Amino acid sequence: MLRQLINVVRYVLQALRKYIKPLILIVSFVTFVWLIVDTAHRPEFVRHASKHSFRRNRTSDQADRWDQHSVQRFLDLLDIDLNVSVSGEPRWPAASCQQEDAFLLTAFAGSSLLEHLWHFFSLIALRHSAGDGRGVRTMLTVTARAELSQLFVSLPEEVVDQQTIACYDIPSACILNDDTSIELPEGGSQLFILNNNVKRLREILQVSWEDLAGNFELDPNDQRIANDILGRLRQRWTQNDLEGVGTGLQFVGITVGEEDGLPFEYYYRAITFQRKMYDGGMLLVVVLCENPKGTICSMLNAQSEHLYVLLQNPDPGVNFALMTLCNHTIVSHERDIFPALLRGSGNTVVYGYQDEYSQNIGLELASYKENWYTIV
């Protein structure tokens, strides 16, 4: 009996020694699959962002509703202290909720001025794409308004507050990504929220931004400083103008940051292209450098007497105003896209190389907009 038991143990050990590696692989694979399935079915806050359309009667679909933790995270991001239950019952009297056929579009709190600009432009574009008479409201977060106030003195959008957000069923809110299609319900209210880092290019391309000056009123003091800078450059040029082209003088604006990472050849070719495109007089290139002694700015400064390298103003509103007042733009960073959109005229050059690991927004815009050109 003991010998038989020893033989059984020996056979088991031999089998384990022979099949241990395949067994480990099988167990590892099963564990890996289980982790994927478990993660995919967790009710995390960002799970709504993968939606591509919005169905009606969403409140009847409990699987699509946020849980209490997700609602609280959303309110924390908006810096709102509101005791909202999972049922989404309003905490304010119904009489104070003007939400008949109202569709509130807002955004999460961004982490940079650039992200707030994309949110702001996306909100306005979405509101215009919905058409008149649809009762669509757009609102900014407190953080977004504070950041955008560095550039604009008049922001028509309201600020998300407790009383407004309490009138909406937060657990049924829809998160909008870059390409999420929107289906507005026929009746009732609906809350749409722009996800972080969203750029609604499809709607942005449909808007004539130069016609929306009321949404982007620059600070008068910033405009004055920017005009003074361009005025001094114009005066400096006309004093040495031996060819009599001062009346046809226009400006090309560039901003060069330390982290932009574009090659010098791009700037050189873009400047050459801008000069070839403008046959009405002389072009002066204004380069706003984060570090005028940096490699790119030093190389640009040595190129031509028709180019001026300036230190960027510590006030981002002045730099934004100056880029808007220039007649043409060479895009060095996404931040340069917005002045070119608001101006709506002149030639805009963008870097034409597409990195497989990142999105080239300027290249996408140039594929659809007139007078936008790509150069590698």
Protein backbone atom coordinates (compact mmCIF):
# COMPACT_ATOMS: atom_id res chain seq x y z
CA MET A 1 0.00 0.00 0.00
CA LEU A 2 2.80 2.38 0.92
CA ARG A 3 4.66 1.50 -2.28
CA GLN A 4 1.54 2.25 -4.35
CA LEU A 5 1.18 5.62 -2.63
CA ILE A 6 4.84 6.40 -3.32
CA ASN A 7 4.34 5.46 -6.98
CA VAL A 8 1.30 7.76 -7.23
CA VAL A 9 3.30 10.63 -5.74
CA ARG A 10 6.16 9.89 -8.16
CA TYR A 11 3.76 9.93 -11.15
CA VAL A 12 2.24 13.22 -9.98
CA LEU A 13 5.67 14.83 -9.61
CA GLN A 14 6.71 13.57 -13.04
CA ALA A 15 3.53 14.96 -14.59
CA LEU A 16 4.04 18.31 -12.88
CA ARG A 17 7.66 18.44 -14.05
CA LYS A 18 6.58 17.61 -17.59
CA TYR A 19 3.56 19.91 -17.83
CA ILE A 20 4.44 22.71 -15.41
CA LYS A 21 5.31 25.28 -18.12
CA PRO A 22 2.11 24.78 -20.19
CA LEU A 23 0.11 24.84 -16.95
CA ILE A 24 1.68 28.15 -15.91
CA LEU A 25 0.92 29.62 -19.35
CA ILE A 26 -2.71 28.49 -19.17
CA VAL A 27 -3.20 29.90 -15.67
CA SER A 28 -1.55 33.19 -16.68
CA PHE A 29 -3.74 33.51 -19.76
CA VAL A 30 -6.93 32.81 -17.80
CA THR A 31 -5.90 35.37 -15.17
CA PHE A 32 -5.15 37.95 -17.89
CA VAL A 33 -8.56 37.45 -19.53
CA TRP A 34 -10.30 37.68 -16.16
CA LEU A 35 -8.56 40.99 -15.38
CA ILE A 36 -9.63 42.47 -18.73
CA VAL A 37 -13.25 41.40 -18.27
CA ASP A 38 -13.32 42.64 -14.69
CA THR A 39 -11.84 46.03 -15.63
CA ALA A 40 -14.18 46.51 -18.59
CA HIS A 41 -17.25 46.01 -16.41
CA ARG A 42 -16.32 48.30 -13.57
CA PRO A 43 -18.60 51.37 -13.29
CA GLU A 44 -15.78 53.88 -13.58
CA PHE A 45 -16.37 57.56 -14.25
CA VAL A 46 -14.92 57.64 -17.76
CA ARG A 47 -16.85 54.70 -19.13
CA HIS A 48 -19.46 56.98 -20.75
CA ALA A 49 -16.87 58.64 -22.95
CA SER A 50 -16.94 55.84 -25.51
CA LYS A 51 -20.52 56.61 -26.57
CA HIS A 52 -21.02 57.53 -30.21
CA SER A 53 -24.70 58.46 -30.08
CA PHE A 54 -27.27 59.42 -27.51
CA ARG A 55 -30.51 57.58 -27.21
CA ARG A 56 -33.79 59.01 -26.08
CA ASN A 57 -35.40 58.06 -22.78
CA ARG A 58 -31.99 57.53 -21.25
CA THR A 59 -33.43 57.59 -17.73
CA SER A 60 -35.01 54.20 -18.37
CA ASP A 61 -31.63 52.67 -19.14
CA GLN A 62 -30.13 52.17 -15.70
CA ALA A 63 -26.94 50.61 -17.12
CA ASP A 64 -26.03 53.97 -18.66
CA ARG A 65 -26.47 55.96 -15.48
CA TRP A 66 -23.63 57.19 -13.31
CA ASP A 67 -23.22 55.82 -9.82
CA GLN A 68 -22.92 57.99 -6.70
CA HIS A 69 -19.11 57.97 -6.80
CA SER A 70 -19.06 59.20 -10.40
CA VAL A 71 -21.50 62.01 -9.63
CA GLN A 72 -19.40 63.15 -6.70
CA ARG A 73 -16.22 63.13 -8.79
CA PHE A 74 -17.92 65.27 -11.41
CA LEU A 75 -19.03 67.81 -8.79
CA ASP A 76 -15.55 67.85 -7.27
CA LEU A 77 -14.04 68.65 -10.68
CA LEU A 78 -16.42 71.59 -10.96
CA ASP A 79 -15.66 72.71 -7.40
CA ILE A 80 -19.35 72.36 -6.56
CA ASP A 81 -20.51 71.09 -3.18
CA LEU A 82 -23.91 69.65 -3.89
CA ASN A 83 -25.59 66.71 -2.21
CA VAL A 84 -26.97 64.95 -5.30
CA SER A 85 -28.34 61.47 -5.00
CA VAL A 86 -27.97 58.76 -7.61
CA SER A 87 -31.58 59.34 -8.58
CA GLY A 88 -30.60 62.86 -9.65
CA GLU A 89 -33.54 64.51 -7.91
CA PRO A 90 -33.19 68.34 -8.04
CA ARG A 91 -32.31 70.02 -4.75
CA TRP A 92 -33.89 73.31 -5.86
CA PRO A 93 -37.53 74.22 -6.36
CA ALA A 94 -38.82 73.26 -9.80
CA ALA A 95 -39.94 76.84 -10.39
CA SER A 96 -36.31 77.99 -10.39
CA CYS A 97 -35.28 75.45 -13.02
CA GLN A 98 -35.74 76.91 -16.49
CA GLN A 99 -35.01 73.64 -18.26
CA GLU A 100 -37.83 73.20 -20.73
CA ASP A 101 -36.14 71.85 -23.85
CA ALA A 102 -32.81 73.00 -22.39
CA PHE A 103 -29.61 71.15 -23.23
CA LEU A 104 -26.73 72.29 -21.07
CA LEU A 105 -23.24 71.99 -22.57
CA THR A 106 -20.37 72.40 -20.16
CA ALA A 107 -16.84 71.07 -19.71
CA PHE A 108 -14.63 69.58 -17.07
CA ALA A 109 -12.06 71.81 -15.43
CA GLY A 110 -9.04 71.91 -17.74
CA SER A 111 -5.44 71.92 -16.63
CA SER A 112 -4.06 74.65 -18.91
CA LEU A 113 -5.06 77.77 -20.82
CA LEU A 114 -4.71 75.82 -24.07
CA GLU A 115 -7.20 73.18 -22.93
CA HIS A 116 -9.64 75.87 -21.81
CA LEU A 117 -9.37 77.51 -25.24
CA TRP A 118 -10.25 74.24 -26.97
CA HIS A 119 -13.18 73.78 -24.59
CA PHE A 120 -14.40 77.34 -25.17
CA PHE A 121 -14.20 77.12 -28.95
CA SER A 122 -15.80 73.66 -28.89
CA LEU A 123 -18.69 74.85 -26.72
CA ILE A 124 -19.44 77.78 -29.01
CA ALA A 125 -19.17 75.58 -32.11
CA LEU A 126 -21.52 72.98 -30.62
CA ARG A 127 -24.04 75.67 -29.72
CA HIS A 128 -24.02 76.99 -33.29
CA SER A 129 -24.26 73.53 -34.81
CA ALA A 130 -27.42 72.86 -32.81
CA GLY A 131 -29.17 75.72 -34.62
CA ASP A 132 -31.35 78.52 -33.32
CA GLY A 133 -34.33 77.86 -31.12
CA ARG A 134 -33.09 74.56 -29.69
CA GLY A 135 -32.69 75.91 -26.15
CA VAL A 136 -29.02 74.97 -25.92
CA ARG A 137 -27.10 76.63 -23.08
CA THR A 138 -23.32 76.67 -22.82
CA MET A 139 -21.58 77.23 -19.53
CA LEU A 140 -17.98 77.54 -18.35
CA THR A 141 -16.41 76.26 -15.19
CA VAL A 142 -15.08 78.78 -12.68
CA THR A 143 -11.52 77.75 -13.56
CA ALA A 144 -12.14 78.14 -17.30
CA ARG A 145 -13.56 81.64 -16.89
CA ALA A 146 -10.58 82.70 -14.77
CA GLU A 147 -8.08 81.37 -17.32
CA LEU A 148 -9.88 82.76 -20.37
CA SER A 149 -10.23 86.14 -18.68
CA GLN A 150 -6.49 86.54 -19.26
CA LEU A 151 -7.31 86.90 -22.97
CA PHE A 152 -10.90 88.15 -23.24
CA VAL A 153 -12.79 90.78 -21.27
CA SER A 154 -16.25 89.70 -22.40
CA LEU A 155 -17.24 86.06 -21.93
CA PRO A 156 -20.96 85.64 -22.71
CA GLU A 157 -21.09 82.11 -21.32
CA GLU A 158 -22.48 81.65 -17.82
CA VAL A 159 -20.58 79.90 -15.03
CA VAL A 160 -21.69 76.49 -13.81
CA ASP A 161 -23.09 76.90 -10.30
CA GLN A 162 -24.96 74.82 -7.75
CA GLN A 163 -28.44 76.05 -8.63
CA THR A 164 -28.01 75.41 -12.35
CA ILE A 165 -26.42 71.98 -12.12
CA ALA A 166 -29.01 70.85 -9.57
CA CYS A 167 -31.73 71.23 -12.20
CA TYR A 168 -30.26 68.46 -14.35
CA ASP A 169 -30.23 64.71 -13.96
CA ILE A 170 -26.50 64.29 -13.46
CA PRO A 171 -26.47 60.46 -13.47
CA SER A 172 -27.80 60.50 -17.06
CA ALA A 173 -25.32 63.11 -18.31
CA CYS A 174 -23.52 62.38 -21.59
CA ILE A 175 -19.76 62.76 -21.96
CA LEU A 176 -18.66 64.13 -25.33
CA ASN A 177 -15.38 63.16 -26.96
CA ASP A 178 -13.85 64.56 -30.15
CA ASP A 179 -16.13 62.64 -32.52
CA THR A 180 -19.12 61.75 -30.35
CA SER A 181 -22.32 62.38 -32.32
CA ILE A 182 -25.08 64.23 -30.50
CA GLU A 183 -28.78 63.46 -30.67
CA LEU A 184 -30.82 66.02 -28.78
CA PRO A 185 -33.94 64.64 -27.09
CA GLU A 186 -37.30 65.94 -28.28
CA GLY A 187 -38.41 67.03 -24.84
CA GLY A 188 -37.03 67.63 -21.37
CA SER A 189 -33.54 68.59 -20.36
CA GLN A 190 -30.21 66.93 -20.99
CA LEU A 191 -26.72 67.56 -19.66
CA PHE A 192 -23.79 67.20 -22.08
CA ILE A 193 -20.23 67.50 -20.79
CA LEU A 194 -17.04 67.91 -22.81
CA ASN A 195 -14.41 65.42 -21.75
CA ASN A 196 -10.88 66.53 -20.94
CA ASN A 197 -8.65 67.42 -23.93
CA VAL A 198 -11.63 67.48 -26.30
CA LYS A 199 -11.30 69.29 -29.64
CA ARG A 200 -14.55 69.34 -31.62
CA LEU A 201 -12.88 70.05 -34.96
CA ARG A 202 -15.89 69.03 -37.04
CA GLU A 203 -18.05 71.75 -35.50
CA ILE A 204 -15.19 74.26 -35.22
CA LEU A 205 -14.61 74.07 -38.97
CA GLN A 206 -18.24 75.01 -39.63
CA VAL A 207 -18.07 78.32 -37.76
CA SER A 208 -17.03 81.68 -39.24
CA TRP A 209 -15.09 82.81 -36.19
CA GLU A 210 -14.39 86.28 -37.52
CA ASP A 211 -18.15 86.95 -37.30
CA LEU A 212 -18.24 86.15 -33.57
CA ALA A 213 -16.21 89.08 -32.29
CA GLY A 214 -18.61 89.52 -29.37
CA ASN A 215 -17.48 86.22 -27.90
CA PHE A 216 -13.81 87.16 -28.08
CA GLU A 217 -13.44 90.80 -27.08
CA LEU A 218 -9.76 91.36 -26.37
CA ASP A 219 -8.62 93.42 -23.42
CA PRO A 220 -8.28 97.05 -24.62
CA ASN A 221 -5.00 97.46 -22.74
CA ASP A 222 -3.57 94.30 -24.34
CA GLN A 223 -4.66 95.55 -27.75
CA ARG A 224 -3.05 98.93 -27.11
CA ILE A 225 0.27 97.35 -26.15
CA ALA A 226 0.18 95.03 -29.18
CA ASN A 227 -0.68 97.91 -31.51
CA ASP A 228 2.17 99.97 -30.04
CA ILE A 229 4.62 97.13 -30.72
CA LEU A 230 3.51 96.77 -34.33
CA GLY A 231 3.45 100.56 -34.72
CA ARG A 232 7.06 100.90 -33.58
CA LEU A 233 8.14 98.12 -35.95
CA ARG A 234 6.27 99.78 -38.81
CA GLN A 235 7.87 103.14 -38.01
CA ARG A 236 11.33 101.58 -37.79
CA TRP A 237 10.85 100.01 -41.20
CA THR A 238 9.37 103.03 -42.97
CA GLN A 239 12.25 105.23 -41.77
CA ASN A 240 14.63 102.97 -43.68
CA ASP A 241 12.25 102.28 -46.56
CA LEU A 242 14.13 103.11 -49.73
CA GLU A 243 11.74 101.25 -52.01
CA GLY A 244 8.55 103.06 -51.02
CA VAL A 245 6.63 99.94 -50.03
CA GLY A 246 5.62 101.13 -46.55
CA THR A 247 1.97 101.55 -47.53
CA GLY A 248 1.73 97.84 -48.40
CA LEU A 249 3.45 96.63 -45.26
CA GLN A 250 1.95 93.61 -43.49
CA PHE A 251 3.01 91.43 -40.56
CA VAL A 252 3.55 87.70 -40.12
CA GLY A 253 3.28 86.49 -36.53
CA ILE A 254 5.18 83.56 -35.02
CA THR A 255 5.54 82.45 -31.41
CA VAL A 256 8.45 80.16 -30.57
CA GLY A 257 8.41 78.31 -27.26
CA GLU A 258 11.25 76.37 -25.71
CA GLU A 259 9.29 73.12 -25.93
CA ASP A 260 7.77 73.53 -29.40
CA GLY A 261 10.32 71.16 -30.91
CA LEU A 262 9.95 72.15 -34.58
CA PRO A 263 13.02 72.23 -36.86
CA PHE A 264 14.54 75.48 -38.05
CA GLU A 265 13.96 74.42 -41.68
CA TYR A 266 10.20 74.60 -41.13
CA TYR A 267 10.33 78.22 -40.00
CA TYR A 268 12.70 79.17 -42.81
CA ARG A 269 10.53 77.57 -45.50
CA ALA A 270 7.32 78.95 -43.98
CA ILE A 271 8.70 82.50 -43.97
CA THR A 272 9.87 82.12 -47.58
CA PHE A 273 6.45 80.79 -48.55
CA GLN A 274 4.62 83.67 -46.85
CA ARG A 275 6.73 86.20 -48.74
CA LYS A 276 6.06 84.50 -52.06
CA MET A 277 2.32 84.44 -51.37
CA TYR A 278 2.13 88.17 -50.62
CA ASP A 279 2.74 90.31 -53.67
CA GLY A 280 1.12 93.52 -52.39
CA GLY A 281 4.17 94.93 -50.66
CA MET A 282 6.62 94.04 -47.92
CA LEU A 283 6.17 91.46 -45.15
CA LEU A 284 7.72 91.96 -41.74
CA VAL A 285 8.07 88.81 -39.65
CA VAL A 286 7.48 89.24 -35.91
CA VAL A 287 8.86 86.36 -33.83
CA LEU A 288 7.73 86.23 -30.20
CA CYS A 289 10.30 84.08 -28.42
CA GLU A 290 10.08 82.56 -24.99
CA ASN A 291 13.89 82.67 -25.07
CA PRO A 292 15.25 85.08 -27.72
CA LYS A 293 18.73 83.59 -27.24
CA GLY A 294 17.52 80.05 -27.88
CA THR A 295 18.76 78.07 -30.87
CA ILE A 296 15.77 78.61 -33.18
CA CYS A 297 15.31 82.30 -32.35
CA SER A 298 19.02 83.02 -32.71
CA MET A 299 19.08 81.36 -36.12
CA LEU A 300 15.98 83.27 -37.22
CA ASN A 301 17.39 86.55 -35.98
CA ALA A 302 20.43 86.10 -38.22
CA GLN A 303 18.41 85.51 -41.37
CA SER A 304 16.99 88.82 -42.58
CA GLU A 305 16.55 92.49 -41.79
CA HIS A 306 12.83 92.00 -42.47
CA LEU A 307 12.50 89.91 -39.31
CA TYR A 308 12.25 91.05 -35.69
CA VAL A 309 12.80 88.74 -32.72
CA LEU A 310 11.02 89.92 -29.56
CA LEU A 311 10.74 88.55 -26.05
CA GLN A 312 7.27 87.23 -25.30
CA ASN A 313 5.26 89.42 -22.97
CA PRO A 314 4.67 87.89 -19.50
CA ASP A 315 0.97 88.66 -20.04
CA PRO A 316 -0.47 85.97 -22.38
CA GLY A 317 -3.21 88.42 -23.36
CA VAL A 318 -0.69 90.75 -25.03
CA ASN A 319 0.88 87.90 -27.01
CA PHE A 320 -2.57 86.67 -28.06
CA ALA A 321 -3.63 90.16 -29.13
CA LEU A 322 -0.43 90.71 -31.13
CA MET A 323 -0.83 87.38 -32.97
CA THR A 324 -4.45 88.31 -33.74
CA LEU A 325 -3.48 91.75 -35.07
CA CYS A 326 -0.82 90.32 -37.39
CA ASN A 327 -2.02 89.82 -40.96
CA HIS A 328 -0.65 86.29 -41.34
CA THR A 329 0.40 83.42 -39.08
CA ILE A 330 3.04 80.71 -38.99
CA VAL A 331 1.83 78.10 -36.51
CA SER A 332 4.50 76.86 -34.13
CA HIS A 333 2.17 75.46 -31.46
CA GLU A 334 -1.54 74.78 -31.03
CA ARG A 335 -1.86 78.08 -29.17
CA ASP A 336 -1.26 79.91 -32.48
CA ILE A 337 -4.31 78.35 -34.12
CA PHE A 338 -6.85 80.46 -32.24
CA PRO A 339 -5.66 83.96 -33.30
CA ALA A 340 -5.61 82.74 -36.91
CA LEU A 341 -9.17 81.41 -36.60
CA LEU A 342 -10.47 84.64 -35.08
CA ARG A 343 -8.77 86.81 -37.68
CA GLY A 344 -10.33 84.81 -40.53
CA SER A 345 -8.10 86.42 -43.17
CA GLY A 346 -4.53 86.24 -44.35
CA ASN A 347 -2.41 83.15 -44.92
CA THR A 348 -1.73 80.57 -42.22
CA VAL A 349 1.09 78.04 -42.48
CA VAL A 350 1.22 74.88 -40.34
CA TYR A 351 3.79 72.14 -39.90
CA GLY A 352 2.87 69.32 -42.25
CA TYR A 353 4.58 66.36 -40.61
CA GLN A 354 2.25 63.85 -38.96
CA ASP A 355 3.75 61.91 -36.06
CA GLU A 356 2.12 58.51 -35.63
CA TYR A 357 2.16 58.97 -31.86
CA SER A 358 0.52 62.40 -31.70
CA GLN A 359 -2.26 64.38 -33.36
CA ASN A 360 -1.36 67.31 -35.63
CA ILE A 361 -4.37 69.60 -35.23
CA GLY A 362 -2.97 72.25 -37.54
CA LEU A 363 -2.58 69.71 -40.33
CA GLU A 364 -6.19 68.59 -39.93
CA LEU A 365 -7.47 72.17 -40.05
CA ALA A 366 -5.36 72.97 -43.12
CA SER A 367 -6.99 70.07 -44.95
CA TYR A 368 -10.33 71.89 -44.89
CA LYS A 369 -9.74 75.63 -44.48
CA GLU A 370 -8.95 78.05 -47.27
CA ASN A 371 -5.67 79.96 -47.12
CA TRP A 372 -4.22 77.41 -44.71
CA TYR A 373 -1.10 75.68 -46.03
CA THR A 374 1.18 72.89 -44.87
CA ILE A 375 4.97 72.89 -45.06
CA VAL A 376 7.37 70.21 -43.84
